[in-house]
Amino acid sequence: MSVFVDRGNVVVVPPPGEMAVLSPLEVGRLRAALRDAAVVAASREG
């Protein structure tokens, strides 16, 4: 799963044709990646 910022938006891209089944640790990592991307996206808006 990839998380990135594009034109001020947070984009989450899952593997093609797959679903995400995450352990609690992986959920924490995803949460952190989303938070970091949101901070970057917000800084690019202004």
Protein backbone atom coordinates (compact mmCIF):
# COMPACT_ATOMS: atom_id res chain seq x y z
CA MET A 1 0.00 0.00 0.00
CA SER A 2 1.34 3.42 -0.93
CA VAL A 3 0.46 6.78 0.56
CA PHE A 4 1.49 10.00 -1.13
CA VAL A 5 0.44 13.61 -1.71
CA ASP A 6 -0.75 14.85 -5.09
CA ARG A 7 -1.85 18.45 -5.63
CA GLY A 8 -2.72 18.90 -1.96
CA ASN A 9 -4.60 15.60 -1.66
CA VAL A 10 -3.63 12.45 0.22
CA VAL A 11 -3.68 9.46 -2.13
CA VAL A 12 -3.80 5.84 -0.90
CA VAL A 13 -3.02 3.17 -3.51
CA PRO A 14 -3.62 -0.47 -2.62
CA PRO A 15 -1.92 -3.27 -4.53
CA PRO A 16 -3.84 -4.00 -7.77
CA GLY A 17 -6.58 -6.57 -7.28
CA GLU A 18 -5.84 -7.04 -3.60
CA MET A 19 -7.38 -6.01 -0.32
CA ALA A 20 -5.55 -4.77 2.72
CA VAL A 21 -5.60 -7.05 5.75
CA LEU A 22 -3.57 -5.27 8.40
CA SER A 23 -2.21 -6.31 11.75
CA PRO A 24 -2.53 -3.81 14.61
CA LEU A 25 1.09 -2.75 14.06
CA GLU A 26 0.48 -2.19 10.34
CA VAL A 27 -2.63 -0.13 11.14
CA GLY A 28 -0.45 2.07 13.33
CA ARG A 29 2.05 2.49 10.52
CA LEU A 30 -0.71 3.35 8.05
CA ARG A 31 -2.15 5.86 10.50
CA ALA A 32 1.28 7.49 10.86
CA ALA A 33 1.78 7.59 7.07
CA LEU A 34 -1.65 9.17 6.60
CA ARG A 35 -0.97 11.73 9.31
CA ASP A 36 2.40 12.64 7.77
CA ALA A 37 0.85 12.93 4.30
CA ALA A 38 -1.96 15.12 5.67
CA VAL A 39 0.60 17.47 7.21
CA VAL A 40 2.47 17.71 3.89
CA ALA A 41 -0.77 18.25 1.95
CA ALA A 42 -1.88 20.99 4.35
CA SER A 43 1.47 22.75 4.05
CA ARG A 44 1.15 22.82 0.25
CA GLU A 45 -2.31 24.44 0.34
CA GLY A 46 -1.21 27.76 1.77
